[in-house]
Amino acid sequence: MTEKLANEYKPRFILIEDKASSQQLIQDIGFLGDNIRVIGIKPRLDKVTRFASVVP
């Protein structure tokens, strides 16, 4: 699914929350075609606050 969306939207990079459950995904994907980088990020706020910041 990640690769399908990357092919559709052509991002320069993809951010994935770097937690135990997603570390394997980050390692497996690493780089997608056309130099799309996959970057693991460590969240600074709780989930509710992060959700509220991106929802209109």
PDB file of N, CA and C in Angstrom:
ATOM      1  N   MET A   1       0.823  -1.189   0.000  1.00  0.00           N
ATOM      2  CA  MET A   1       0.000   0.000   0.000  1.00  0.00           C
ATOM      3  C   MET A   1       0.870   1.257   0.000  1.00  0.00           C
ATOM      4  N   THR A   2       1.931   1.251   0.804  1.00  0.00           N
ATOM      5  CA  THR A   2       2.821   2.410   0.861  1.00  0.00           C
ATOM      6  C   THR A   2       3.419   2.693  -0.506  1.00  0.00           C
ATOM      7  N   GLU A   3       3.857   1.641  -1.180  1.00  0.00           N
ATOM      8  CA  GLU A   3       4.453   1.816  -2.504  1.00  0.00           C
ATOM      9  C   GLU A   3       3.424   2.316  -3.514  1.00  0.00           C
ATOM     10  N   LYS A   4       2.196   1.827  -3.426  1.00  0.00           N
ATOM     11  CA  LYS A   4       1.138   2.261  -4.342  1.00  0.00           C
ATOM     12  C   LYS A   4       0.864   3.752  -4.169  1.00  0.00           C
ATOM     13  N   LEU A   5       0.740   4.202  -2.928  1.00  0.00           N
ATOM     14  CA  LEU A   5       0.501   5.623  -2.675  1.00  0.00           C
ATOM     15  C   LEU A   5       1.693   6.472  -3.099  1.00  0.00           C
ATOM     16  N   ALA A   6       2.899   5.967  -2.888  1.00  0.00           N
ATOM     17  CA  ALA A   6       4.100   6.700  -3.306  1.00  0.00           C
ATOM     18  C   ALA A   6       4.126   6.864  -4.819  1.00  0.00           C
ATOM     19  N   ASN A   7       3.741   5.835  -5.547  1.00  0.00           N
ATOM     20  CA  ASN A   7       3.707   5.935  -7.007  1.00  0.00           C
ATOM     21  C   ASN A   7       2.650   6.916  -7.481  1.00  0.00           C
ATOM     22  N   GLU A   8       1.546   7.006  -6.751  1.00  0.00           N
ATOM     23  CA  GLU A   8       0.459   7.904  -7.140  1.00  0.00           C
ATOM     24  C   GLU A   8       0.786   9.366  -6.845  1.00  0.00           C
ATOM     25  N   TYR A   9       1.344   9.649  -5.671  1.00  0.00           N
ATOM     26  CA  TYR A   9       1.540  11.037  -5.245  1.00  0.00           C
ATOM     27  C   TYR A   9       2.959  11.566  -5.448  1.00  0.00           C
ATOM     28  N   LYS A  10       3.923  10.695  -5.727  1.00  0.00           N
ATOM     29  CA  LYS A  10       5.311  11.079  -6.019  1.00  0.00           C
ATOM     30  C   LYS A  10       5.947  11.983  -4.952  1.00  0.00           C
ATOM     31  N   PRO A  11       5.939  11.569  -3.686  1.00  0.00           N
ATOM     32  CA  PRO A  11       6.579  12.398  -2.653  1.00  0.00           C
ATOM     33  C   PRO A  11       8.097  12.287  -2.740  1.00  0.00           C
ATOM     34  N   ARG A  12       8.803  13.257  -2.156  1.00  0.00           N
ATOM     35  CA  ARG A  12      10.267  13.177  -2.087  1.00  0.00           C
ATOM     36  C   ARG A  12      10.689  12.292  -0.932  1.00  0.00           C
ATOM     37  N   PHE A  13       9.867  12.240   0.125  1.00  0.00           N
ATOM     38  CA  PHE A  13      10.157  11.377   1.261  1.00  0.00           C
ATOM     39  C   PHE A  13       8.867  10.993   1.953  1.00  0.00           C
ATOM     40  N   ILE A  14       8.924   9.913   2.731  1.00  0.00           N
ATOM     41  CA  ILE A  14       7.786   9.422   3.505  1.00  0.00           C
ATOM     42  C   ILE A  14       8.222   9.345   4.955  1.00  0.00           C
ATOM     43  N   LEU A  15       7.430   9.925   5.846  1.00  0.00           N
ATOM     44  CA  LEU A  15       7.723   9.889   7.276  1.00  0.00           C
ATOM     45  C   LEU A  15       6.890   8.785   7.921  1.00  0.00           C
ATOM     46  N   ILE A  16       7.553   7.933   8.688  1.00  0.00           N
ATOM     47  CA  ILE A  16       6.877   6.852   9.406  1.00  0.00           C
ATOM     48  C   ILE A  16       7.294   6.933  10.864  1.00  0.00           C
ATOM     49  N   GLU A  17       6.312   6.858  11.757  1.00  0.00           N
ATOM     50  CA  GLU A  17       6.613   6.906  13.188  1.00  0.00           C
ATOM     51  C   GLU A  17       7.538   5.751  13.554  1.00  0.00           C
ATOM     52  N   ASP A  18       8.655   6.082  14.158  1.00  0.00           N
ATOM     53  CA  ASP A  18       9.700   5.104  14.475  1.00  0.00           C
ATOM     54  C   ASP A  18       9.430   4.466  15.836  1.00  0.00           C
ATOM     55  N   LYS A  19       8.549   3.488  15.834  1.00  0.00           N
ATOM     56  CA  LYS A  19       8.222   2.710  17.028  1.00  0.00           C
ATOM     57  C   LYS A  19       8.488   1.249  16.720  1.00  0.00           C
ATOM     58  N   ALA A  20       8.388   0.411  17.711  1.00  0.00           N
ATOM     59  CA  ALA A  20       8.713  -1.012  17.546  1.00  0.00           C
ATOM     60  C   ALA A  20       7.969  -1.649  16.379  1.00  0.00           C
ATOM     61  N   SER A  21       6.680  -1.365  16.244  1.00  0.00           N
ATOM     62  CA  SER A  21       5.885  -2.018  15.206  1.00  0.00           C
ATOM     63  C   SER A  21       6.204  -1.534  13.799  1.00  0.00           C
ATOM     64  N   SER A  22       6.797  -0.373  13.646  1.00  0.00           N
ATOM     65  CA  SER A  22       7.062   0.152  12.306  1.00  0.00           C
ATOM     66  C   SER A  22       8.534   0.110  11.906  1.00  0.00           C
ATOM     67  N   GLN A  23       9.414  -0.306  12.793  1.00  0.00           N
ATOM     68  CA  GLN A  23      10.837  -0.360  12.453  1.00  0.00           C
ATOM     69  C   GLN A  23      11.104  -1.307  11.293  1.00  0.00           C
ATOM     70  N   GLN A  24      10.423  -2.433  11.258  1.00  0.00           N
ATOM     71  CA  GLN A  24      10.619  -3.378  10.161  1.00  0.00           C
ATOM     72  C   GLN A  24      10.158  -2.783   8.842  1.00  0.00           C
ATOM     73  N   LEU A  25       9.044  -2.059   8.853  1.00  0.00           N
ATOM     74  CA  LEU A  25       8.554  -1.405   7.638  1.00  0.00           C
ATOM     75  C   LEU A  25       9.576  -0.398   7.122  1.00  0.00           C
ATOM     76  N   ILE A  26      10.135   0.395   8.019  1.00  0.00           N
ATOM     77  CA  ILE A  26      11.145   1.385   7.637  1.00  0.00           C
ATOM     78  C   ILE A  26      12.345   0.689   7.002  1.00  0.00           C
ATOM     79  N   GLN A  27      12.791  -0.395   7.600  1.00  0.00           N
ATOM     80  CA  GLN A  27      13.945  -1.126   7.073  1.00  0.00           C
ATOM     81  C   GLN A  27      13.624  -1.805   5.742  1.00  0.00           C
ATOM     82  N   ASP A  28      12.442  -2.385   5.628  1.00  0.00           N
ATOM     83  CA  ASP A  28      12.073  -3.094   4.401  1.00  0.00           C
ATOM     84  C   ASP A  28      11.954  -2.149   3.212  1.00  0.00           C
ATOM     85  N   ILE A  29      11.348  -1.007   3.427  1.00  0.00           N
ATOM     86  CA  ILE A  29      11.148  -0.073   2.323  1.00  0.00           C
ATOM     87  C   ILE A  29      12.432   0.707   2.047  1.00  0.00           C
ATOM     88  N   GLY A  30      13.014   1.296   3.086  1.00  0.00           N
ATOM     89  CA  GLY A  30      14.265   2.039   2.934  1.00  0.00           C
ATOM     90  C   GLY A  30      14.198   3.125   1.890  1.00  0.00           C
ATOM     91  N   PHE A  31      14.329   2.746   0.653  1.00  0.00           N
ATOM     92  CA  PHE A  31      14.200   3.670  -0.471  1.00  0.00           C
ATOM     93  C   PHE A  31      13.183   3.086  -1.437  1.00  0.00           C
ATOM     94  N   LEU A  32      12.304   3.926  -1.923  1.00  0.00           N
ATOM     95  CA  LEU A  32      11.393   3.504  -2.980  1.00  0.00           C
ATOM     96  C   LEU A  32      11.941   4.055  -4.289  1.00  0.00           C
ATOM     97  N   GLY A  33      11.380   3.665  -5.386  1.00  0.00           N
ATOM     98  CA  GLY A  33      11.851   4.144  -6.678  1.00  0.00           C
ATOM     99  C   GLY A  33      11.856   5.663  -6.767  1.00  0.00           C
ATOM    100  N   ASP A  34      12.594   6.185  -7.720  1.00  0.00           N
ATOM    101  CA  ASP A  34      12.686   7.624  -7.965  1.00  0.00           C
ATOM    102  C   ASP A  34      13.219   8.390  -6.764  1.00  0.00           C
ATOM    103  N   ASN A  35      14.131   7.783  -6.017  1.00  0.00           N
ATOM    104  CA  ASN A  35      14.803   8.443  -4.891  1.00  0.00           C
ATOM    105  C   ASN A  35      13.858   8.901  -3.788  1.00  0.00           C
ATOM    106  N   ILE A  36      12.798   8.163  -3.536  1.00  0.00           N
ATOM    107  CA  ILE A  36      11.899   8.478  -2.428  1.00  0.00           C
ATOM    108  C   ILE A  36      12.498   7.880  -1.167  1.00  0.00           C
ATOM    109  N   ARG A  37      12.828   8.736  -0.216  1.00  0.00           N
ATOM    110  CA  ARG A  37      13.415   8.264   1.038  1.00  0.00           C
ATOM    111  C   ARG A  37      12.325   7.989   2.063  1.00  0.00           C
ATOM    112  N   VAL A  38      12.519   6.948   2.842  1.00  0.00           N
ATOM    113  CA  VAL A  38      11.628   6.634   3.958  1.00  0.00           C
ATOM    114  C   VAL A  38      12.384   6.988   5.226  1.00  0.00           C
ATOM    115  N   ILE A  39      11.790   7.861   6.044  1.00  0.00           N
ATOM    116  CA  ILE A  39      12.467   8.376   7.229  1.00  0.00           C
ATOM    117  C   ILE A  39      11.654   8.024   8.469  1.00  0.00           C
ATOM    118  N   GLY A  40      12.297   7.427   9.451  1.00  0.00           N
ATOM    119  CA  GLY A  40      11.657   7.149  10.733  1.00  0.00           C
ATOM    120  C   GLY A  40      11.731   8.382  11.614  1.00  0.00           C
ATOM    121  N   ILE A  41      10.606   8.775  12.200  1.00  0.00           N
ATOM    122  CA  ILE A  41      10.583   9.949  13.076  1.00  0.00           C
ATOM    123  C   ILE A  41      10.116   9.545  14.467  1.00  0.00           C
ATOM    124  N   LYS A  42      10.598  10.244  15.458  1.00  0.00           N
ATOM    125  CA  LYS A  42      10.173  10.028  16.842  1.00  0.00           C
ATOM    126  C   LYS A  42       9.190  11.142  17.210  1.00  0.00           C
ATOM    127  N   PRO A  43       7.944  10.784  17.524  1.00  0.00           N
ATOM    128  CA  PRO A  43       6.947  11.798  17.852  1.00  0.00           C
ATOM    129  C   PRO A  43       7.290  12.524  19.148  1.00  0.00           C
ATOM    130  N   ARG A  44       6.962  13.817  19.190  1.00  0.00           N
ATOM    131  CA  ARG A  44       7.249  14.619  20.381  1.00  0.00           C
ATOM    132  C   ARG A  44       6.017  14.842  21.250  1.00  0.00           C
ATOM    133  N   LEU A  45       4.843  14.651  20.691  1.00  0.00           N
ATOM    134  CA  LEU A  45       3.607  14.901  21.436  1.00  0.00           C
ATOM    135  C   LEU A  45       2.781  13.617  21.507  1.00  0.00           C
ATOM    136  N   ASP A  46       1.724  13.650  22.316  1.00  0.00           N
ATOM    137  CA  ASP A  46       0.859  12.477  22.417  1.00  0.00           C
ATOM    138  C   ASP A  46       0.002  12.336  21.151  1.00  0.00           C
ATOM    139  N   LYS A  47      -0.614  11.176  20.964  1.00  0.00           N
ATOM    140  CA  LYS A  47      -1.358  10.889  19.737  1.00  0.00           C
ATOM    141  C   LYS A  47      -2.537  11.831  19.519  1.00  0.00           C
ATOM    142  N   VAL A  48      -3.263  12.148  20.559  1.00  0.00           N
ATOM    143  CA  VAL A  48      -4.431  13.019  20.419  1.00  0.00           C
ATOM    144  C   VAL A  48      -4.001  14.400  19.934  1.00  0.00           C
ATOM    145  N   THR A  49      -2.939  14.940  20.490  1.00  0.00           N
ATOM    146  CA  THR A  49      -2.445  16.257  20.089  1.00  0.00           C
ATOM    147  C   THR A  49      -1.959  16.233  18.646  1.00  0.00           C
ATOM    148  N   ARG A  50      -1.238  15.178  18.256  1.00  0.00           N
ATOM    149  CA  ARG A  50      -0.756  15.075  16.874  1.00  0.00           C
ATOM    150  C   ARG A  50      -1.929  14.983  15.906  1.00  0.00           C
ATOM    151  N   PHE A  51      -2.941  14.199  16.261  1.00  0.00           N
ATOM    152  CA  PHE A  51      -4.123  14.056  15.414  1.00  0.00           C
ATOM    153  C   PHE A  51      -4.842  15.394  15.264  1.00  0.00           C
ATOM    154  N   ALA A  52      -5.029  16.088  16.364  1.00  0.00           N
ATOM    155  CA  ALA A  52      -5.735  17.367  16.341  1.00  0.00           C
ATOM    156  C   ALA A  52      -5.002  18.409  15.502  1.00  0.00           C
ATOM    157  N   SER A  53      -3.691  18.299  15.406  1.00  0.00           N
ATOM    158  CA  SER A  53      -2.929  19.300  14.658  1.00  0.00           C
ATOM    159  C   SER A  53      -3.051  19.135  13.144  1.00  0.00           C
ATOM    160  N   VAL A  54      -3.502  17.980  12.665  1.00  0.00           N
ATOM    161  CA  VAL A  54      -3.600  17.767  11.221  1.00  0.00           C
ATOM    162  C   VAL A  54      -5.035  17.664  10.711  1.00  0.00           C
ATOM    163  N   VAL A  55      -6.003  17.636  11.607  1.00  0.00           N
ATOM    164  CA  VAL A  55      -7.403  17.525  11.209  1.00  0.00           C
ATOM    165  C   VAL A  55      -8.046  18.906  11.260  1.00  0.00           C
ATOM    166  N   PRO A  56      -8.732  19.295  10.173  1.00  0.00           N
ATOM    167  CA  PRO A  56      -9.378  20.629  10.170  1.00  0.00           C
ATOM    168  C   PRO A  56     -10.508  20.738  11.179  1.00  0.00           C
TER     169      PRO A  56
END
